[in-house]
Amino acid sequence: MGIEAYLIDYGYIVILLTTFFGGEEFLMLAGFLAHRGYLTFCLIVLSGFTGSLVADQLYFYIGRKKGIAFLNKHPSWKTRADRIRKLLQQHQNLVILLFRFVYGIRTVTPVLIGVSNVSAFKFLVLNAVGALMWAIALTSLGYFFGQTAGLLLDDVKKYEFVIIGLIILFGLVVWILEYRIENKEKT
């Protein structure tokens, strides 16, 4: 079975799982693969939307049930949590809609919202709209990158796996940097 078959068979599951844990890079990669004809744009958006929505709902309910005690178990979140708390007081709806677009606050924000007085229904509605916007935006970025690569390179087919490898490498570098920053904040 070639890599194309794996992408077609397991691509959407990989997108769903990676967006549960962040996965911006994989969503953009999937958009590129949609442009190349390996995956379907709408199914990528649906997978990314679902993974993101479910993860953030889970974090919201952790905040609702565990509250401040859960936040205190993650001291590296304190600085971010303080800033997000202030933003929530001033721009609650915007924060709920757009938090997943801001690097470094995707996990802590729904926990904080769960601790706050935001109703579960309001969070669900705004979170769903935000997750859909996020999935469409990142998938589109990858798709348009594929389109641009097609215009710049005469025979994209020769380079597509190099491009895919570079995108995966970029994702790994981002993940390693996030890991190192998290561990540095804990010390």
N, C-alpha and C. Protein backbone atom coordinates (compact mmCIF):
# COMPACT_ATOMS: atom_id res chain seq x y z
N MET A 1 0.85 -1.18 0.00
CA MET A 1 0.00 0.00 0.00
C MET A 1 0.90 1.24 0.00
N GLY A 2 0.68 2.15 -0.96
CA GLY A 2 1.48 3.36 -1.07
C GLY A 2 1.01 4.44 -0.11
N ILE A 3 1.79 5.50 0.00
CA ILE A 3 1.47 6.59 0.91
C ILE A 3 0.14 7.25 0.53
N GLU A 4 -0.17 7.28 -0.75
CA GLU A 4 -1.43 7.86 -1.19
C GLU A 4 -2.61 7.10 -0.60
N ALA A 5 -2.52 5.78 -0.58
CA ALA A 5 -3.60 4.96 -0.02
C ALA A 5 -3.73 5.19 1.48
N TYR A 6 -2.61 5.32 2.18
CA TYR A 6 -2.66 5.61 3.62
C TYR A 6 -3.32 6.96 3.88
N LEU A 7 -2.96 7.95 3.08
CA LEU A 7 -3.55 9.28 3.24
C LEU A 7 -5.06 9.22 3.04
N ILE A 8 -5.47 8.50 2.03
CA ILE A 8 -6.90 8.40 1.74
C ILE A 8 -7.62 7.61 2.83
N ASP A 9 -7.03 6.50 3.28
CA ASP A 9 -7.68 5.64 4.27
C ASP A 9 -7.67 6.23 5.68
N TYR A 10 -6.59 6.87 6.09
CA TYR A 10 -6.43 7.28 7.48
C TYR A 10 -6.30 8.79 7.68
N GLY A 11 -6.29 9.56 6.61
CA GLY A 11 -6.07 11.00 6.71
C GLY A 11 -7.05 11.70 7.62
N TYR A 12 -8.32 11.39 7.49
CA TYR A 12 -9.34 12.09 8.28
C TYR A 12 -9.26 11.73 9.76
N ILE A 13 -8.92 10.48 10.05
CA ILE A 13 -8.75 10.06 11.45
C ILE A 13 -7.55 10.78 12.06
N VAL A 14 -6.47 10.87 11.30
CA VAL A 14 -5.28 11.59 11.79
C VAL A 14 -5.62 13.05 12.05
N ILE A 15 -6.36 13.67 11.16
CA ILE A 15 -6.77 15.07 11.34
C ILE A 15 -7.60 15.20 12.61
N LEU A 16 -8.58 14.33 12.78
CA LEU A 16 -9.43 14.37 13.97
C LEU A 16 -8.60 14.27 15.24
N LEU A 17 -7.69 13.31 15.29
CA LEU A 17 -6.88 13.10 16.49
C LEU A 17 -5.90 14.24 16.73
N THR A 18 -5.25 14.72 15.68
CA THR A 18 -4.26 15.78 15.89
C THR A 18 -4.92 17.10 16.25
N THR A 19 -6.11 17.39 15.72
CA THR A 19 -6.76 18.64 16.09
C THR A 19 -7.33 18.58 17.50
N PHE A 20 -7.49 17.39 18.02
CA PHE A 20 -7.90 17.26 19.42
C PHE A 20 -6.80 17.81 20.33
N PHE A 21 -5.56 17.73 19.89
CA PHE A 21 -4.41 18.17 20.68
C PHE A 21 -3.73 19.40 20.10
N GLY A 22 -4.39 20.15 19.29
CA GLY A 22 -3.79 21.31 18.62
C GLY A 22 -3.90 21.09 17.14
N GLY A 23 -2.84 20.60 16.53
CA GLY A 23 -2.89 20.11 15.16
C GLY A 23 -3.00 21.12 14.05
N GLU A 24 -2.66 22.37 14.32
CA GLU A 24 -2.73 23.38 13.27
C GLU A 24 -1.93 22.97 12.03
N GLU A 25 -0.73 22.45 12.26
CA GLU A 25 0.15 22.09 11.15
C GLU A 25 -0.45 20.98 10.31
N PHE A 26 -1.07 20.01 10.97
CA PHE A 26 -1.66 18.89 10.24
C PHE A 26 -2.90 19.32 9.45
N LEU A 27 -3.63 20.28 9.99
CA LEU A 27 -4.79 20.78 9.26
C LEU A 27 -4.34 21.52 7.99
N MET A 28 -3.27 22.29 8.10
CA MET A 28 -2.74 22.96 6.91
C MET A 28 -2.17 21.95 5.92
N LEU A 29 -1.49 20.93 6.43
CA LEU A 29 -0.98 19.87 5.56
C LEU A 29 -2.14 19.18 4.83
N ALA A 30 -3.21 18.94 5.55
CA ALA A 30 -4.38 18.30 4.93
C ALA A 30 -4.96 19.19 3.84
N GLY A 31 -4.97 20.51 4.07
CA GLY A 31 -5.43 21.43 3.03
C GLY A 31 -4.58 21.33 1.78
N PHE A 32 -3.27 21.22 1.97
CA PHE A 32 -2.36 21.03 0.84
C PHE A 32 -2.70 19.73 0.11
N LEU A 33 -2.94 18.67 0.89
CA LEU A 33 -3.27 17.37 0.29
C LEU A 33 -4.62 17.41 -0.44
N ALA A 34 -5.54 18.25 0.04
CA ALA A 34 -6.81 18.42 -0.67
C ALA A 34 -6.56 19.05 -2.03
N HIS A 35 -5.70 20.03 -2.06
CA HIS A 35 -5.38 20.65 -3.35
C HIS A 35 -4.75 19.65 -4.30
N ARG A 36 -3.95 18.75 -3.77
CA ARG A 36 -3.29 17.74 -4.60
C ARG A 36 -4.23 16.59 -4.97
N GLY A 37 -5.44 16.57 -4.39
CA GLY A 37 -6.43 15.58 -4.77
C GLY A 37 -6.46 14.32 -3.91
N TYR A 38 -5.70 14.30 -2.82
CA TYR A 38 -5.66 13.11 -1.96
C TYR A 38 -6.80 13.08 -0.95
N LEU A 39 -7.24 14.25 -0.50
CA LEU A 39 -8.29 14.34 0.51
C LEU A 39 -9.35 15.33 0.02
N THR A 40 -10.51 15.31 0.67
CA THR A 40 -11.61 16.19 0.32
C THR A 40 -11.67 17.36 1.30
N PHE A 41 -11.73 18.57 0.76
CA PHE A 41 -11.70 19.78 1.57
C PHE A 41 -12.77 19.76 2.67
N CYS A 42 -14.01 19.47 2.31
CA CYS A 42 -15.11 19.49 3.28
C CYS A 42 -14.92 18.46 4.40
N LEU A 43 -14.41 17.28 4.06
CA LEU A 43 -14.18 16.26 5.09
C LEU A 43 -13.02 16.64 6.00
N ILE A 44 -12.03 17.34 5.46
CA ILE A 44 -10.94 17.84 6.30
C ILE A 44 -11.49 18.84 7.30
N VAL A 45 -12.29 19.79 6.81
CA VAL A 45 -12.88 20.79 7.69
C VAL A 45 -13.74 20.12 8.76
N LEU A 46 -14.55 19.14 8.36
CA LEU A 46 -15.40 18.43 9.31
C LEU A 46 -14.56 17.71 10.37
N SER A 47 -13.49 17.05 9.96
CA SER A 47 -12.61 16.34 10.91
C SER A 47 -11.93 17.32 11.86
N GLY A 48 -11.39 18.42 11.31
CA GLY A 48 -10.72 19.42 12.14
C GLY A 48 -11.69 20.10 13.09
N PHE A 49 -12.86 20.44 12.60
CA PHE A 49 -13.91 21.04 13.42
C PHE A 49 -14.28 20.12 14.58
N THR A 50 -14.51 18.85 14.27
CA THR A 50 -14.94 17.89 15.29
C THR A 50 -13.87 17.70 16.36
N GLY A 51 -12.62 17.48 15.96
CA GLY A 51 -11.55 17.30 16.93
C GLY A 51 -11.37 18.51 17.83
N SER A 52 -11.39 19.69 17.24
CA SER A 52 -11.22 20.92 18.00
C SER A 52 -12.39 21.16 18.95
N LEU A 53 -13.60 21.00 18.43
CA LEU A 53 -14.80 21.23 19.24
C LEU A 53 -14.85 20.28 20.44
N VAL A 54 -14.64 19.00 20.20
CA VAL A 54 -14.72 18.01 21.28
C VAL A 54 -13.65 18.27 22.33
N ALA A 55 -12.43 18.57 21.90
CA ALA A 55 -11.35 18.83 22.86
C ALA A 55 -11.67 20.04 23.73
N ASP A 56 -12.13 21.11 23.11
CA ASP A 56 -12.38 22.33 23.87
C ASP A 56 -13.61 22.20 24.77
N GLN A 57 -14.60 21.43 24.34
CA GLN A 57 -15.73 21.16 25.22
C GLN A 57 -15.27 20.36 26.44
N LEU A 58 -14.39 19.39 26.20
CA LEU A 58 -13.86 18.60 27.30
C LEU A 58 -13.11 19.49 28.29
N TYR A 59 -12.25 20.38 27.79
CA TYR A 59 -11.52 21.29 28.67
C TYR A 59 -12.47 22.23 29.41
N PHE A 60 -13.52 22.66 28.76
CA PHE A 60 -14.53 23.50 29.41
C PHE A 60 -15.14 22.76 30.60
N TYR A 61 -15.53 21.50 30.39
CA TYR A 61 -16.15 20.73 31.46
C TYR A 61 -15.15 20.36 32.56
N ILE A 62 -13.90 20.21 32.22
CA ILE A 62 -12.88 20.02 33.26
C ILE A 62 -12.83 21.26 34.12
N GLY A 63 -12.83 22.43 33.50
CA GLY A 63 -12.85 23.68 34.25
C GLY A 63 -14.10 23.81 35.10
N ARG A 64 -15.23 23.39 34.57
CA ARG A 64 -16.50 23.49 35.29
C ARG A 64 -16.51 22.56 36.50
N LYS A 65 -15.98 21.34 36.34
CA LYS A 65 -16.02 20.35 37.42
C LYS A 65 -14.85 20.48 38.41
N LYS A 66 -13.66 20.71 37.89
CA LYS A 66 -12.46 20.72 38.75
C LYS A 66 -12.08 22.13 39.20
N GLY A 67 -12.46 23.13 38.42
CA GLY A 67 -12.27 24.52 38.80
C GLY A 67 -10.83 24.95 38.98
N ILE A 68 -10.66 25.83 39.94
CA ILE A 68 -9.36 26.43 40.22
C ILE A 68 -8.33 25.37 40.62
N ALA A 69 -8.76 24.31 41.27
CA ALA A 69 -7.82 23.25 41.68
C ALA A 69 -7.10 22.68 40.47
N PHE A 70 -7.81 22.50 39.37
CA PHE A 70 -7.18 21.99 38.15
C PHE A 70 -6.17 22.99 37.61
N LEU A 71 -6.53 24.26 37.61
CA LEU A 71 -5.61 25.30 37.13
C LEU A 71 -4.36 25.36 37.99
N ASN A 72 -4.52 25.19 39.30
CA ASN A 72 -3.37 25.24 40.21
C ASN A 72 -2.40 24.08 39.99
N LYS A 73 -2.87 22.99 39.40
CA LYS A 73 -1.99 21.86 39.09
C LYS A 73 -1.09 22.15 37.90
N HIS A 74 -1.35 23.26 37.22
CA HIS A 74 -0.58 23.65 36.03
C HIS A 74 -0.02 25.06 36.24
N PRO A 75 1.01 25.18 37.08
CA PRO A 75 1.53 26.52 37.38
C PRO A 75 2.07 27.26 36.16
N SER A 76 2.47 26.55 35.13
CA SER A 76 2.99 27.22 33.93
C SER A 76 1.88 28.00 33.21
N TRP A 77 0.63 27.73 33.53
CA TRP A 77 -0.49 28.42 32.90
C TRP A 77 -0.81 29.75 33.59
N LYS A 78 -0.26 30.00 34.77
CA LYS A 78 -0.69 31.14 35.59
C LYS A 78 -0.62 32.47 34.85
N THR A 79 0.51 32.79 34.25
CA THR A 79 0.65 34.08 33.57
C THR A 79 -0.37 34.22 32.45
N ARG A 80 -0.49 33.17 31.66
CA ARG A 80 -1.47 33.20 30.56
C ARG A 80 -2.89 33.30 31.11
N ALA A 81 -3.15 32.55 32.17
CA ALA A 81 -4.49 32.54 32.75
C ALA A 81 -4.88 33.93 33.26
N ASP A 82 -3.95 34.63 33.88
CA ASP A 82 -4.24 35.97 34.38
C ASP A 82 -4.60 36.92 33.23
N ARG A 83 -3.85 36.86 32.14
CA ARG A 83 -4.13 37.72 30.98
C ARG A 83 -5.47 37.35 30.33
N ILE A 84 -5.71 36.06 30.22
CA ILE A 84 -6.96 35.61 29.59
C ILE A 84 -8.16 36.00 30.44
N ARG A 85 -8.02 35.91 31.76
CA ARG A 85 -9.11 36.29 32.67
C ARG A 85 -9.53 37.75 32.42
N LYS A 86 -8.53 38.63 32.29
CA LYS A 86 -8.83 40.05 32.02
C LYS A 86 -9.53 40.22 30.68
N LEU A 87 -9.03 39.52 29.67
CA LEU A 87 -9.67 39.60 28.35
C LEU A 87 -11.10 39.07 28.38
N LEU A 88 -11.33 38.01 29.13
CA LEU A 88 -12.68 37.44 29.24
C LEU A 88 -13.66 38.44 29.84
N GLN A 89 -13.19 39.22 30.81
CA GLN A 89 -14.06 40.21 31.43
C GLN A 89 -14.44 41.32 30.45
N GLN A 90 -13.54 41.65 29.54
CA GLN A 90 -13.77 42.76 28.62
C GLN A 90 -14.41 42.31 27.30
N HIS A 91 -14.03 41.16 26.80
CA HIS A 91 -14.45 40.73 25.46
C HIS A 91 -14.81 39.24 25.44
N GLN A 92 -15.74 38.86 26.27
CA GLN A 92 -16.06 37.44 26.46
C GLN A 92 -16.36 36.71 25.16
N ASN A 93 -17.27 37.23 24.36
CA ASN A 93 -17.67 36.53 23.13
C ASN A 93 -16.51 36.40 22.15
N LEU A 94 -15.74 37.48 21.98
CA LEU A 94 -14.60 37.43 21.07
C LEU A 94 -13.55 36.43 21.52
N VAL A 95 -13.29 36.39 22.81
CA VAL A 95 -12.31 35.43 23.34
C VAL A 95 -12.75 34.01 23.04
N ILE A 96 -14.02 33.72 23.28
CA ILE A 96 -14.52 32.36 23.03
C ILE A 96 -14.45 32.02 21.54
N LEU A 97 -14.77 32.98 20.69
CA LEU A 97 -14.72 32.73 19.24
C LEU A 97 -13.30 32.55 18.71
N LEU A 98 -12.35 33.30 19.26
CA LEU A 98 -11.04 33.41 18.61
C LEU A 98 -9.86 32.81 19.37
N PHE A 99 -10.06 32.26 20.56
CA PHE A 99 -8.91 31.82 21.36
C PHE A 99 -8.05 30.78 20.65
N ARG A 100 -8.63 29.92 19.86
CA ARG A 100 -7.85 28.85 19.22
C ARG A 100 -6.92 29.39 18.15
N PHE A 101 -7.11 30.65 17.74
CA PHE A 101 -6.23 31.26 16.76
C PHE A 101 -4.97 31.85 17.40
N VAL A 102 -4.93 31.93 18.72
CA VAL A 102 -3.81 32.56 19.43
C VAL A 102 -2.90 31.48 20.00
N TYR A 103 -1.65 31.53 19.60
CA TYR A 103 -0.67 30.53 20.02
C TYR A 103 -0.52 30.53 21.55
N GLY A 104 -0.50 29.35 22.14
CA GLY A 104 -0.17 29.18 23.55
C GLY A 104 -1.32 29.27 24.53
N ILE A 105 -2.55 29.51 24.05
CA ILE A 105 -3.65 29.63 25.01
C ILE A 105 -4.82 28.69 24.72
N ARG A 106 -4.63 27.78 23.79
CA ARG A 106 -5.75 26.95 23.35
C ARG A 106 -6.27 26.02 24.45
N THR A 107 -5.42 25.51 25.31
CA THR A 107 -5.86 24.59 26.35
C THR A 107 -6.37 25.33 27.58
N VAL A 108 -5.65 26.34 27.99
CA VAL A 108 -5.99 27.03 29.23
C VAL A 108 -7.29 27.84 29.10
N THR A 109 -7.57 28.38 27.94
CA THR A 109 -8.74 29.25 27.79
C THR A 109 -10.07 28.53 28.05
N PRO A 110 -10.34 27.38 27.43
CA PRO A 110 -11.63 26.75 27.74
C PRO A 110 -11.74 26.29 29.20
N VAL A 111 -10.61 25.97 29.82
CA VAL A 111 -10.65 25.63 31.25
C VAL A 111 -11.08 26.85 32.05
N LEU A 112 -10.49 28.00 31.75
CA LEU A 112 -10.86 29.25 32.43
C LEU A 112 -12.31 29.62 32.18
N ILE A 113 -12.75 29.43 30.96
CA ILE A 113 -14.15 29.74 30.64
C ILE A 113 -15.07 28.81 31.43
N GLY A 114 -14.66 27.56 31.61
CA GLY A 114 -15.43 26.62 32.42
C GLY A 114 -15.52 27.05 33.87
N VAL A 115 -14.46 27.67 34.37
CA VAL A 115 -14.44 28.16 35.75
C VAL A 115 -15.33 29.40 35.88
N SER A 116 -15.48 30.16 34.81
CA SER A 116 -16.23 31.42 34.84
C SER A 116 -17.73 31.16 34.87
N ASN A 117 -18.49 32.26 34.76
CA ASN A 117 -19.95 32.14 34.79
C ASN A 117 -20.57 32.01 33.40
N VAL A 118 -19.79 31.71 32.38
CA VAL A 118 -20.31 31.52 31.03
C VAL A 118 -21.16 30.24 31.01
N SER A 119 -22.36 30.34 30.46
CA SER A 119 -23.22 29.16 30.43
C SER A 119 -22.66 28.11 29.46
N ALA A 120 -22.95 26.87 29.75
CA ALA A 120 -22.48 25.77 28.90
C ALA A 120 -23.03 25.90 27.48
N PHE A 121 -24.28 26.34 27.36
CA PHE A 121 -24.89 26.49 26.04
C PHE A 121 -24.20 27.60 25.24
N LYS A 122 -23.96 28.73 25.88
CA LYS A 122 -23.29 29.84 25.20
C LYS A 122 -21.91 29.41 24.73
N PHE A 123 -21.17 28.71 25.60
CA PHE A 123 -19.85 28.26 25.20
C PHE A 123 -19.94 27.29 24.03
N LEU A 124 -20.88 26.36 24.08
CA LEU A 124 -21.04 25.39 22.99
C LEU A 124 -21.28 26.09 21.65
N VAL A 125 -22.19 27.05 21.64
CA VAL A 125 -22.52 27.74 20.38
C VAL A 125 -21.32 28.53 19.86
N LEU A 126 -20.72 29.37 20.72
CA LEU A 126 -19.58 30.18 20.28
C LEU A 126 -18.36 29.31 19.97
N ASN A 127 -18.17 28.25 20.74
CA ASN A 127 -17.06 27.34 20.49
C ASN A 127 -17.24 26.64 19.14
N ALA A 128 -18.46 26.24 18.82
CA ALA A 128 -18.72 25.58 17.53
C ALA A 128 -18.45 26.54 16.37
N VAL A 129 -18.89 27.77 16.50
CA VAL A 129 -18.64 28.76 15.44
C VAL A 129 -17.14 29.00 15.30
N GLY A 130 -16.45 29.17 16.43
CA GLY A 130 -15.00 29.40 16.40
C GLY A 130 -14.25 28.21 15.83
N ALA A 131 -14.65 27.00 16.20
CA ALA A 131 -13.98 25.80 15.69
C ALA A 131 -14.17 25.67 14.19
N LEU A 132 -15.36 26.02 13.71
CA LEU A 132 -15.62 25.95 12.27
C LEU A 132 -14.78 26.99 11.52
N MET A 133 -14.74 28.22 12.05
CA MET A 133 -13.91 29.26 11.42
C MET A 133 -12.45 28.83 11.37
N TRP A 134 -11.96 28.27 12.47
CA TRP A 134 -10.56 27.83 12.58
C TRP A 134 -10.26 26.72 11.57
N ALA A 135 -11.15 25.73 11.51
CA ALA A 135 -10.92 24.60 10.60
C ALA A 135 -10.94 25.07 9.14
N ILE A 136 -11.87 25.95 8.81
CA ILE A 136 -11.93 26.46 7.43
C ILE A 136 -10.69 27.29 7.11
N ALA A 137 -10.30 28.16 8.04
CA ALA A 137 -9.15 29.05 7.80
C ALA A 137 -7.86 28.27 7.59
N LEU A 138 -7.58 27.31 8.47
CA LEU A 138 -6.31 26.59 8.36
C LEU A 138 -6.30 25.62 7.18
N THR A 139 -7.43 25.00 6.91
CA THR A 139 -7.50 24.12 5.74
C THR A 139 -7.32 24.96 4.47
N SER A 140 -7.93 26.12 4.44
CA SER A 140 -7.79 27.02 3.29
C SER A 140 -6.35 27.48 3.10
N LEU A 141 -5.67 27.79 4.21
CA LEU A 141 -4.25 28.18 4.10
C LEU A 141 -3.44 27.09 3.42
N GLY A 142 -3.63 25.86 3.86
CA GLY A 142 -2.91 24.74 3.24
C GLY A 142 -3.30 24.55 1.79
N TYR A 143 -4.59 24.71 1.51
CA TYR A 143 -5.07 24.55 0.13
C TYR A 143 -4.44 25.61 -0.78
N PHE A 144 -4.45 26.85 -0.33
CA PHE A 144 -3.89 27.93 -1.15
C PHE A 144 -2.38 27.83 -1.25
N PHE A 145 -1.74 27.27 -0.23
CA PHE A 145 -0.30 27.00 -0.34
C PHE A 145 -0.06 25.99 -1.46
N GLY A 146 -0.90 24.97 -1.53
CA GLY A 146 -0.79 23.99 -2.61
C GLY A 146 -1.01 24.62 -3.97
N GLN A 147 -1.96 25.53 -4.03
CA GLN A 147 -2.23 26.22 -5.29
C GLN A 147 -1.04 27.10 -5.69
N THR A 148 -0.47 27.81 -4.71
CA THR A 148 0.69 28.66 -4.99
C THR A 148 1.89 27.83 -5.40
N ALA A 149 2.09 26.71 -4.71
CA ALA A 149 3.20 25.82 -5.08
C ALA A 149 3.03 25.34 -6.51
N GLY A 150 1.79 25.08 -6.90
CA GLY A 150 1.52 24.64 -8.27
C GLY A 150 1.86 25.70 -9.30
N LEU A 151 1.65 26.96 -8.94
CA LEU A 151 1.98 28.05 -9.86
C LEU A 151 3.48 28.28 -9.95
N LEU A 152 4.18 28.08 -8.83
CA LEU A 152 5.62 28.36 -8.79
C LEU A 152 6.47 27.22 -9.33
N LEU A 153 5.99 26.01 -9.16
CA LEU A 153 6.77 24.85 -9.60
C LEU A 153 6.12 24.24 -10.83
N ASP A 154 6.91 23.99 -11.83
CA ASP A 154 6.38 23.44 -13.08
C ASP A 154 5.69 22.09 -12.86
N ASP A 155 6.34 21.21 -12.13
CA ASP A 155 5.82 19.87 -11.94
C ASP A 155 5.75 19.58 -10.45
N VAL A 156 4.65 20.03 -9.82
CA VAL A 156 4.49 19.88 -8.37
C VAL A 156 4.56 18.43 -7.95
N LYS A 157 4.09 17.53 -8.79
CA LYS A 157 4.09 16.10 -8.46
C LYS A 157 5.48 15.64 -8.03
N LYS A 158 6.52 16.17 -8.66
CA LYS A 158 7.89 15.78 -8.31
C LYS A 158 8.26 16.26 -6.90
N TYR A 159 7.66 17.34 -6.45
CA TYR A 159 8.07 17.97 -5.20
C TYR A 159 7.08 17.78 -4.05
N GLU A 160 5.92 17.19 -4.32
CA GLU A 160 4.89 17.18 -3.30
C GLU A 160 5.31 16.46 -2.02
N PHE A 161 6.06 15.38 -2.12
CA PHE A 161 6.45 14.68 -0.90
C PHE A 161 7.55 15.44 -0.15
N VAL A 162 8.35 16.20 -0.86
CA VAL A 162 9.32 17.08 -0.20
C VAL A 162 8.56 18.17 0.55
N ILE A 163 7.55 18.74 -0.08
CA ILE A 163 6.74 19.77 0.56
C ILE A 163 6.02 19.19 1.78
N ILE A 164 5.44 18.01 1.64
CA ILE A 164 4.77 17.36 2.77
C ILE A 164 5.77 17.12 3.90
N GLY A 165 6.95 16.63 3.55
CA GLY A 165 7.99 16.41 4.56
C GLY A 165 8.38 17.69 5.27
N LEU A 166 8.50 18.78 4.52
CA LEU A 166 8.86 20.07 5.13
C LEU A 166 7.76 20.56 6.07
N ILE A 167 6.51 20.37 5.68
CA ILE A 167 5.41 20.77 6.55
C ILE A 167 5.40 19.93 7.82
N ILE A 168 5.63 18.63 7.69
CA ILE A 168 5.70 17.76 8.88
C ILE A 168 6.88 18.17 9.75
N LEU A 169 8.02 18.45 9.14
CA LEU A 169 9.19 18.90 9.89
C LEU A 169 8.89 20.20 10.63
N PHE A 170 8.23 21.12 9.96
CA PHE A 170 7.83 22.37 10.60
C PHE A 170 6.94 22.09 11.81
N GLY A 171 5.98 21.18 11.66
CA GLY A 171 5.11 20.82 12.77
C GLY A 171 5.87 20.22 13.94
N LEU A 172 6.84 19.38 13.65
CA LEU A 172 7.66 18.79 14.71
C LEU A 172 8.49 19.84 15.43
N VAL A 173 9.05 20.78 14.68
CA VAL A 173 9.84 21.86 15.29
C VAL A 173 8.95 22.69 16.21
N VAL A 174 7.75 23.03 15.76
CA VAL A 174 6.82 23.79 16.59
C VAL A 174 6.48 23.00 17.85
N TRP A 175 6.22 21.71 17.70
CA TRP A 175 5.88 20.87 18.85
C TRP A 175 7.04 20.83 19.85
N ILE A 176 8.26 20.66 19.36
CA ILE A 176 9.44 20.62 20.24
C ILE A 176 9.61 21.94 20.96
N LEU A 177 9.44 23.04 20.24
CA LEU A 177 9.56 24.36 20.87
C LEU A 177 8.49 24.55 21.94
N GLU A 178 7.26 24.14 21.66
CA GLU A 178 6.19 24.23 22.66
C GLU A 178 6.55 23.41 23.90
N TYR A 179 7.05 22.22 23.68
CA TYR A 179 7.42 21.33 24.79
C TYR A 179 8.52 21.97 25.64
N ARG A 180 9.52 22.53 24.98
CA ARG A 180 10.63 23.16 25.70
C ARG A 180 10.17 24.39 26.46
N ILE A 181 9.29 25.19 25.87
CA ILE A 181 8.78 26.37 26.55
C ILE A 181 7.96 25.97 27.76
N GLU A 182 7.10 24.96 27.62
CA GLU A 182 6.31 24.46 28.75
C GLU A 182 7.20 24.01 29.90
N ASN A 183 8.23 23.22 29.58
CA ASN A 183 9.12 22.72 30.62
C ASN A 183 9.94 23.83 31.25
N LYS A 184 10.29 24.83 30.47
CA LYS A 184 11.05 25.96 31.00
C LYS A 184 10.20 26.76 31.97
N GLU A 185 8.90 26.92 31.65
CA GLU A 185 7.99 27.65 32.53
C GLU A 185 7.75 26.91 33.83
N LYS A 186 7.83 25.60 33.82
CA LYS A 186 7.60 24.81 35.03
C LYS A 186 8.74 24.95 36.02
N THR A 187 9.95 25.25 35.54
CA THR A 187 11.11 25.37 36.43
C THR A 187 11.28 26.76 36.94
